[in-house]
């Protein structure tokens, strides 16, 4: 995926989870943050951020904060981006062969999974989780407790029981990392559910991304340690 109008800025503060104050070309701008997670380890006063300028003149904020520099790493933190790049990856032949149907936002029981995929002889549900938390090269999810995430895991287990294939793809929104592991310190229930799901046949995969200020695309598989 590609952003059309990227501007470089300096992060000042985040008054709430939806907006940030950013210095852009010497002027303080109020920007929409495209990630409602905590991201405290990313949005540090003085850090370099990248903003996507909107062409919609009726918007209250004309910029979306989409990426941030953390040391020598560039991290995309747009929470809508993982689904977009995963969808592009699928359409270009990523992982599943002979795809006949890709249906985003597909309802199953009491959940709505990110993708339903059909091939000539397979029916697959896939849930996508964006990952921005990195510690010493190890990437983790979640960065805050997520009961919704636990619900999705349990529903995927039910889908397997009913004859579907099920996948959770953790899309790491940065390039270099050692491996992925669930963030047990932040949400042990999620970590336990992920281990249980793996034993019940849910496939747990992790992918990293090629990241530029204006570009994000799936790069390669990353080791998973549950």
C-alpha atoms as a PDB file:
ATOM      1  CA  UNK A   1       0.000   0.000   0.000  1.00  0.00           C
ATOM      2  CA  UNK A   2       1.121   3.545  -0.620  1.00  0.00           C
ATOM      3  CA  UNK A   3       0.317   6.864   1.044  1.00  0.00           C
ATOM      4  CA  UNK A   4      -0.093   9.741  -1.360  1.00  0.00           C
ATOM      5  CA  UNK A   5       1.106  12.816   0.540  1.00  0.00           C
ATOM      6  CA  UNK A   6       3.564  12.168   3.367  1.00  0.00           C
ATOM      7  CA  UNK A   7       4.970  14.958   5.518  1.00  0.00           C
ATOM      8  CA  UNK A   8       7.722  14.671   8.121  1.00  0.00           C
ATOM      9  CA  UNK A   9       7.148  16.113  11.595  1.00  0.00           C
ATOM     10  CA  UNK A  10       8.283  16.148  15.209  1.00  0.00           C
ATOM     11  CA  UNK A  11       5.981  14.681  17.853  1.00  0.00           C
ATOM     12  CA  UNK A  12       5.078  17.028  20.720  1.00  0.00           C
ATOM     13  CA  UNK A  13       2.330  15.355  22.756  1.00  0.00           C
ATOM     14  CA  UNK A  14      -0.755  13.146  22.657  1.00  0.00           C
ATOM     15  CA  UNK A  15      -3.634  14.817  24.536  1.00  0.00           C
ATOM     16  CA  UNK A  16      -5.809  11.737  24.049  1.00  0.00           C
ATOM     17  CA  UNK A  17      -5.702   8.473  22.120  1.00  0.00           C
ATOM     18  CA  UNK A  18      -7.249  10.002  18.996  1.00  0.00           C
ATOM     19  CA  UNK A  19      -5.056  13.066  18.423  1.00  0.00           C
ATOM     20  CA  UNK A  20      -1.451  14.202  18.616  1.00  0.00           C
ATOM     21  CA  UNK A  21       0.262  17.569  18.535  1.00  0.00           C
ATOM     22  CA  UNK A  22       3.016  17.577  15.925  1.00  0.00           C
ATOM     23  CA  UNK A  23       5.414  20.251  14.710  1.00  0.00           C
ATOM     24  CA  UNK A  24       5.162  20.321  10.903  1.00  0.00           C
ATOM     25  CA  UNK A  25       7.359  22.776   9.029  1.00  0.00           C
ATOM     26  CA  UNK A  26       7.600  25.042  12.093  1.00  0.00           C
ATOM     27  CA  UNK A  27       3.869  25.005  12.876  1.00  0.00           C
ATOM     28  CA  UNK A  28       2.009  23.036  15.556  1.00  0.00           C
ATOM     29  CA  UNK A  29      -0.662  20.848  13.950  1.00  0.00           C
ATOM     30  CA  UNK A  30      -3.358  18.710  15.570  1.00  0.00           C
ATOM     31  CA  UNK A  31      -3.210  15.320  13.857  1.00  0.00           C
ATOM     32  CA  UNK A  32      -5.422  12.256  13.901  1.00  0.00           C
ATOM     33  CA  UNK A  33      -3.606   9.218  15.323  1.00  0.00           C
ATOM     34  CA  UNK A  34      -4.486   6.145  13.247  1.00  0.00           C
ATOM     35  CA  UNK A  35      -3.898   3.835  16.213  1.00  0.00           C
ATOM     36  CA  UNK A  36      -5.879   3.922  19.458  1.00  0.00           C
ATOM     37  CA  UNK A  37      -3.371   1.668  21.265  1.00  0.00           C
ATOM     38  CA  UNK A  38      -1.127   3.022  23.984  1.00  0.00           C
ATOM     39  CA  UNK A  39       2.055   3.217  21.831  1.00  0.00           C
ATOM     40  CA  UNK A  40       3.873   4.852  24.761  1.00  0.00           C
ATOM     41  CA  UNK A  41       7.177   3.345  23.685  1.00  0.00           C
ATOM     42  CA  UNK A  42       6.765   4.923  20.234  1.00  0.00           C
ATOM     43  CA  UNK A  43       5.271   8.378  20.695  1.00  0.00           C
ATOM     44  CA  UNK A  44       7.974  10.047  22.752  1.00  0.00           C
ATOM     45  CA  UNK A  45       8.273  13.862  22.703  1.00  0.00           C
ATOM     46  CA  UNK A  46      10.852  14.894  20.128  1.00  0.00           C
ATOM     47  CA  UNK A  47      10.645  11.741  18.018  1.00  0.00           C
ATOM     48  CA  UNK A  48      10.281  11.919  14.239  1.00  0.00           C
ATOM     49  CA  UNK A  49       6.876  11.004  12.861  1.00  0.00           C
ATOM     50  CA  UNK A  50       5.354  10.801   9.402  1.00  0.00           C
ATOM     51  CA  UNK A  51       1.966  12.207   8.526  1.00  0.00           C
ATOM     52  CA  UNK A  52      -0.374  11.514   5.639  1.00  0.00           C
ATOM     53  CA  UNK A  53      -1.983  14.767   4.514  1.00  0.00           C
ATOM     54  CA  UNK A  54      -5.655  14.467   3.610  1.00  0.00           C
ATOM     55  CA  UNK A  55      -7.187  16.060   0.534  1.00  0.00           C
ATOM     56  CA  UNK A  56     -10.524  16.419   2.316  1.00  0.00           C
ATOM     57  CA  UNK A  57     -10.808  20.130   3.155  1.00  0.00           C
ATOM     58  CA  UNK A  58     -13.820  19.473   5.413  1.00  0.00           C
ATOM     59  CA  UNK A  59     -11.869  17.354   7.904  1.00  0.00           C
ATOM     60  CA  UNK A  60     -11.180  18.806  11.348  1.00  0.00           C
ATOM     61  CA  UNK A  61      -7.610  17.500  11.149  1.00  0.00           C
ATOM     62  CA  UNK A  62      -5.735  17.577   7.865  1.00  0.00           C
ATOM     63  CA  UNK A  63      -3.075  15.039   8.860  1.00  0.00           C
ATOM     64  CA  UNK A  64      -3.068  11.363   9.892  1.00  0.00           C
ATOM     65  CA  UNK A  65      -0.095  10.155  11.947  1.00  0.00           C
ATOM     66  CA  UNK A  66       0.926   6.894  10.268  1.00  0.00           C
ATOM     67  CA  UNK A  67       4.576   6.127  11.105  1.00  0.00           C
ATOM     68  CA  UNK A  68       7.281   6.848  13.670  1.00  0.00           C
ATOM     69  CA  UNK A  69      11.027   6.459  14.035  1.00  0.00           C
ATOM     70  CA  UNK A  70      12.163   4.412  17.045  1.00  0.00           C
ATOM     71  CA  UNK A  71      15.948   4.543  17.135  1.00  0.00           C
ATOM     72  CA  UNK A  72      17.060   3.134  13.780  1.00  0.00           C
ATOM     73  CA  UNK A  73      13.710   1.459  13.160  1.00  0.00           C
ATOM     74  CA  UNK A  74      10.871   2.905  11.116  1.00  0.00           C
ATOM     75  CA  UNK A  75       7.529   1.611  12.390  1.00  0.00           C
ATOM     76  CA  UNK A  76       4.210   2.009  10.646  1.00  0.00           C
ATOM     77  CA  UNK A  77       1.517   2.480  13.317  1.00  0.00           C
ATOM     78  CA  UNK A  78      -1.565   2.833  11.129  1.00  0.00           C
ATOM     79  CA  UNK A  79      -3.997   0.278  12.607  1.00  0.00           C
ATOM     80  CA  UNK A  80      -5.875   0.004   9.297  1.00  0.00           C
ATOM     81  CA  UNK A  81      -2.737  -0.834   7.320  1.00  0.00           C
ATOM     82  CA  UNK A  82      -2.235  -4.528   8.283  1.00  0.00           C
ATOM     83  CA  UNK A  83      -5.553  -5.594   6.767  1.00  0.00           C
ATOM     84  CA  UNK A  84      -4.844  -3.587   3.618  1.00  0.00           C
ATOM     85  CA  UNK A  85      -1.368  -5.015   3.043  1.00  0.00           C
ATOM     86  CA  UNK A  86      -2.520  -8.541   3.896  1.00  0.00           C
ATOM     87  CA  UNK A  87      -5.350  -8.217   1.358  1.00  0.00           C
ATOM     88  CA  UNK A  88      -2.889  -7.013  -1.291  1.00  0.00           C
ATOM     89  CA  UNK A  89      -0.570  -9.897  -0.427  1.00  0.00           C
ATOM     90  CA  UNK A  90      -3.409 -12.423  -0.845  1.00  0.00           C
ATOM     91  CA  UNK A  91      -4.437 -10.954  -4.189  1.00  0.00           C
ATOM     92  CA  UNK A  92      -0.835 -11.241  -5.398  1.00  0.00           C
ATOM     93  CA  UNK A  93      -0.646 -14.954  -4.535  1.00  0.00           C
ATOM     94  CA  UNK A  94       0.645 -14.770  -0.964  1.00  0.00           C
ATOM     95  CA  UNK A  95       0.580 -18.085   0.937  1.00  0.00           C
ATOM     96  CA  UNK A  96      -2.684 -19.633  -0.334  1.00  0.00           C
ATOM     97  CA  UNK A  97      -2.728 -21.149  -3.827  1.00  0.00           C
ATOM     98  CA  UNK A  98      -5.626 -21.175  -6.290  1.00  0.00           C
ATOM     99  CA  UNK A  99      -7.761 -18.639  -4.419  1.00  0.00           C
ATOM    100  CA  UNK A 100     -11.276 -18.347  -5.849  1.00  0.00           C
ATOM    101  CA  UNK A 101     -12.783 -15.953  -3.288  1.00  0.00           C
ATOM    102  CA  UNK A 102     -11.521 -13.299  -0.877  1.00  0.00           C
ATOM    103  CA  UNK A 103     -14.208 -11.774   1.332  1.00  0.00           C
ATOM    104  CA  UNK A 104     -13.124  -9.122   3.881  1.00  0.00           C
ATOM    105  CA  UNK A 105     -15.069  -8.582   7.117  1.00  0.00           C
ATOM    106  CA  UNK A 106     -16.946 -11.884   7.055  1.00  0.00           C
ATOM    107  CA  UNK A 107     -19.410 -12.746   9.819  1.00  0.00           C
ATOM    108  CA  UNK A 108     -19.139 -16.044  11.674  1.00  0.00           C
ATOM    109  CA  UNK A 109     -21.349 -16.816  14.676  1.00  0.00           C
ATOM    110  CA  UNK A 110     -20.872 -13.863  17.072  1.00  0.00           C
ATOM    111  CA  UNK A 111     -17.698 -12.515  15.458  1.00  0.00           C
ATOM    112  CA  UNK A 112     -16.640 -10.814  12.273  1.00  0.00           C
ATOM    113  CA  UNK A 113     -13.332 -12.130  10.981  1.00  0.00           C
ATOM    114  CA  UNK A 114     -11.027 -10.011   8.848  1.00  0.00           C
ATOM    115  CA  UNK A 115     -11.012 -12.400   5.873  1.00  0.00           C
ATOM    116  CA  UNK A 116     -12.863 -15.405   4.531  1.00  0.00           C
ATOM    117  CA  UNK A 117     -10.899 -17.167   1.792  1.00  0.00           C
ATOM    118  CA  UNK A 118     -11.875 -19.990  -0.520  1.00  0.00           C
ATOM    119  CA  UNK A 119      -9.697 -22.079  -2.802  1.00  0.00           C
ATOM    120  CA  UNK A 120     -10.807 -24.963  -5.006  1.00  0.00           C
ATOM    121  CA  UNK A 121     -11.150 -27.250  -1.987  1.00  0.00           C
ATOM    122  CA  UNK A 122     -10.546 -25.153   1.164  1.00  0.00           C
ATOM    123  CA  UNK A 123     -12.629 -22.776   3.279  1.00  0.00           C
ATOM    124  CA  UNK A 124     -10.527 -20.513   5.469  1.00  0.00           C
ATOM    125  CA  UNK A 125     -11.049 -17.806   8.075  1.00  0.00           C
ATOM    126  CA  UNK A 126      -8.159 -15.440   8.800  1.00  0.00           C
ATOM    127  CA  UNK A 127      -7.846 -12.854  11.538  1.00  0.00           C
ATOM    128  CA  UNK A 128      -5.182 -10.146  11.198  1.00  0.00           C
ATOM    129  CA  UNK A 129      -3.429  -8.444  14.129  1.00  0.00           C
ATOM    130  CA  UNK A 130      -1.103  -5.484  13.626  1.00  0.00           C
ATOM    131  CA  UNK A 131       2.048  -5.512  15.753  1.00  0.00           C
ATOM    132  CA  UNK A 132       3.980  -2.353  16.683  1.00  0.00           C
ATOM    133  CA  UNK A 133       5.442  -3.348  20.065  1.00  0.00           C
ATOM    134  CA  UNK A 134       9.123  -4.299  19.931  1.00  0.00           C
ATOM    135  CA  UNK A 135      11.558  -4.985  22.786  1.00  0.00           C
ATOM    136  CA  UNK A 136      15.185  -5.868  22.009  1.00  0.00           C
ATOM    137  CA  UNK A 137      14.238  -7.234  18.606  1.00  0.00           C
ATOM    138  CA  UNK A 138      11.353  -9.342  19.941  1.00  0.00           C
ATOM    139  CA  UNK A 139       7.910  -8.308  18.713  1.00  0.00           C
ATOM    140  CA  UNK A 140       4.828  -8.792  20.888  1.00  0.00           C
ATOM    141  CA  UNK A 141       1.049  -8.513  20.866  1.00  0.00           C
ATOM    142  CA  UNK A 142      -1.017  -7.043  22.450  1.00  0.00           C
ATOM    143  CA  UNK A 143       0.261  -3.768  23.887  1.00  0.00           C
ATOM    144  CA  UNK A 144      -2.891  -3.512  26.029  1.00  0.00           C
ATOM    145  CA  UNK A 145      -5.438  -6.105  27.273  1.00  0.00           C
ATOM    146  CA  UNK A 146      -7.829  -7.178  24.513  1.00  0.00           C
ATOM    147  CA  UNK A 147     -10.931  -9.163  25.419  1.00  0.00           C
ATOM    148  CA  UNK A 148     -12.046  -8.767  21.802  1.00  0.00           C
ATOM    149  CA  UNK A 149      -8.863 -10.535  20.741  1.00  0.00           C
ATOM    150  CA  UNK A 150      -9.571 -13.438  23.097  1.00  0.00           C
ATOM    151  CA  UNK A 151     -13.109 -13.706  21.726  1.00  0.00           C
ATOM    152  CA  UNK A 152     -11.767 -13.903  18.159  1.00  0.00           C
ATOM    153  CA  UNK A 153      -9.354 -16.681  19.147  1.00  0.00           C
ATOM    154  CA  UNK A 154     -12.143 -18.719  20.745  1.00  0.00           C
ATOM    155  CA  UNK A 155     -14.408 -18.246  17.724  1.00  0.00           C
ATOM    156  CA  UNK A 156     -11.604 -19.425  15.412  1.00  0.00           C
ATOM    157  CA  UNK A 157     -11.320 -22.590  17.528  1.00  0.00           C
ATOM    158  CA  UNK A 158     -15.046 -23.106  16.986  1.00  0.00           C
ATOM    159  CA  UNK A 159     -14.606 -22.612  13.241  1.00  0.00           C
ATOM    160  CA  UNK A 160     -11.954 -25.357  13.172  1.00  0.00           C
ATOM    161  CA  UNK A 161     -14.331 -27.664  15.030  1.00  0.00           C
ATOM    162  CA  UNK A 162     -16.923 -26.977  12.323  1.00  0.00           C
ATOM    163  CA  UNK A 163     -14.617 -27.914   9.457  1.00  0.00           C
ATOM    164  CA  UNK A 164     -13.001 -24.616   8.465  1.00  0.00           C
ATOM    165  CA  UNK A 165      -9.309 -23.836   8.384  1.00  0.00           C
ATOM    166  CA  UNK A 166      -8.404 -20.960  10.686  1.00  0.00           C
ATOM    167  CA  UNK A 167      -5.417 -18.634  10.806  1.00  0.00           C
ATOM    168  CA  UNK A 168      -4.195 -15.738  12.888  1.00  0.00           C
ATOM    169  CA  UNK A 169      -1.644 -13.631  11.042  1.00  0.00           C
ATOM    170  CA  UNK A 170       0.344 -11.194  13.173  1.00  0.00           C
ATOM    171  CA  UNK A 171       1.514  -8.477  10.780  1.00  0.00           C
ATOM    172  CA  UNK A 172       4.601  -6.759  12.198  1.00  0.00           C
ATOM    173  CA  UNK A 173       4.616  -3.163  10.991  1.00  0.00           C
ATOM    174  CA  UNK A 174       8.402  -2.960  10.853  1.00  0.00           C
ATOM    175  CA  UNK A 175      11.173  -4.729   8.994  1.00  0.00           C
ATOM    176  CA  UNK A 176      13.769  -6.234  11.310  1.00  0.00           C
ATOM    177  CA  UNK A 177      12.799  -8.468  14.245  1.00  0.00           C
ATOM    178  CA  UNK A 178      14.003 -11.710  15.837  1.00  0.00           C
ATOM    179  CA  UNK A 179      10.730 -13.487  16.537  1.00  0.00           C
ATOM    180  CA  UNK A 180       7.136 -12.999  17.681  1.00  0.00           C
ATOM    181  CA  UNK A 181       5.720 -14.003  21.053  1.00  0.00           C
ATOM    182  CA  UNK A 182       2.427 -13.139  22.786  1.00  0.00           C
ATOM    183  CA  UNK A 183       2.734 -10.384  25.386  1.00  0.00           C
ATOM    184  CA  UNK A 184       1.990 -12.494  28.453  1.00  0.00           C
ATOM    185  CA  UNK A 185       2.996  -9.709  30.858  1.00  0.00           C
ATOM    186  CA  UNK A 186       0.272  -7.437  29.464  1.00  0.00           C
ATOM    187  CA  UNK A 187      -2.513  -9.988  28.900  1.00  0.00           C
ATOM    188  CA  UNK A 188      -1.882 -13.543  30.076  1.00  0.00           C
ATOM    189  CA  UNK A 189      -5.416 -14.622  29.108  1.00  0.00           C
ATOM    190  CA  UNK A 190      -4.712 -13.729  25.476  1.00  0.00           C
ATOM    191  CA  UNK A 191      -1.397 -15.608  25.558  1.00  0.00           C
ATOM    192  CA  UNK A 192      -3.055 -18.694  27.085  1.00  0.00           C
ATOM    193  CA  UNK A 193      -5.863 -18.571  24.510  1.00  0.00           C
ATOM    194  CA  UNK A 194      -3.323 -18.387  21.683  1.00  0.00           C
ATOM    195  CA  UNK A 195      -1.455 -21.462  22.951  1.00  0.00           C
ATOM    196  CA  UNK A 196      -4.727 -23.350  23.377  1.00  0.00           C
ATOM    197  CA  UNK A 197      -5.875 -22.368  19.878  1.00  0.00           C
ATOM    198  CA  UNK A 198      -2.627 -23.592  18.347  1.00  0.00           C
ATOM    199  CA  UNK A 199      -3.157 -26.991  19.973  1.00  0.00           C
ATOM    200  CA  UNK A 200      -6.714 -27.083  18.600  1.00  0.00           C
ATOM    201  CA  UNK A 201      -5.579 -26.517  15.023  1.00  0.00           C
ATOM    202  CA  UNK A 202      -5.630 -22.747  14.589  1.00  0.00           C
ATOM    203  CA  UNK A 203      -2.565 -21.777  12.547  1.00  0.00           C
ATOM    204  CA  UNK A 204      -0.511 -19.002  14.148  1.00  0.00           C
ATOM    205  CA  UNK A 205       1.654 -17.116  11.641  1.00  0.00           C
ATOM    206  CA  UNK A 206       3.711 -13.937  11.739  1.00  0.00           C
ATOM    207  CA  UNK A 207       4.811 -11.682   8.892  1.00  0.00           C
ATOM    208  CA  UNK A 208       7.060  -8.644   8.878  1.00  0.00           C
ATOM    209  CA  UNK A 209       6.822  -5.722   6.470  1.00  0.00           C
ATOM    210  CA  UNK A 210       8.928  -3.586   4.203  1.00  0.00           C
ATOM    211  CA  UNK A 211       8.424  -0.064   5.556  1.00  0.00           C
ATOM    212  CA  UNK A 212       9.098   3.355   4.075  1.00  0.00           C
ATOM    213  CA  UNK A 213       7.407   6.594   5.191  1.00  0.00           C
ATOM    214  CA  UNK A 214       4.975   6.287   2.275  1.00  0.00           C
ATOM    215  CA  UNK A 215       4.987   2.506   1.638  1.00  0.00           C
ATOM    216  CA  UNK A 216       4.035  -0.662   3.523  1.00  0.00           C
ATOM    217  CA  UNK A 217       4.099  -4.180   2.080  1.00  0.00           C
ATOM    218  CA  UNK A 218       4.390  -7.765   3.346  1.00  0.00           C
ATOM    219  CA  UNK A 219       7.991  -8.938   3.318  1.00  0.00           C
ATOM    220  CA  UNK A 220       8.576 -12.356   4.907  1.00  0.00           C
ATOM    221  CA  UNK A 221       7.608 -14.855   7.606  1.00  0.00           C
ATOM    222  CA  UNK A 222       8.865 -14.400  11.164  1.00  0.00           C
ATOM    223  CA  UNK A 223       9.398 -17.189  13.718  1.00  0.00           C
ATOM    224  CA  UNK A 224       6.632 -17.627  16.302  1.00  0.00           C
ATOM    225  CA  UNK A 225       7.389 -18.669  19.893  1.00  0.00           C
ATOM    226  CA  UNK A 226       4.288 -19.313  21.964  1.00  0.00           C
END
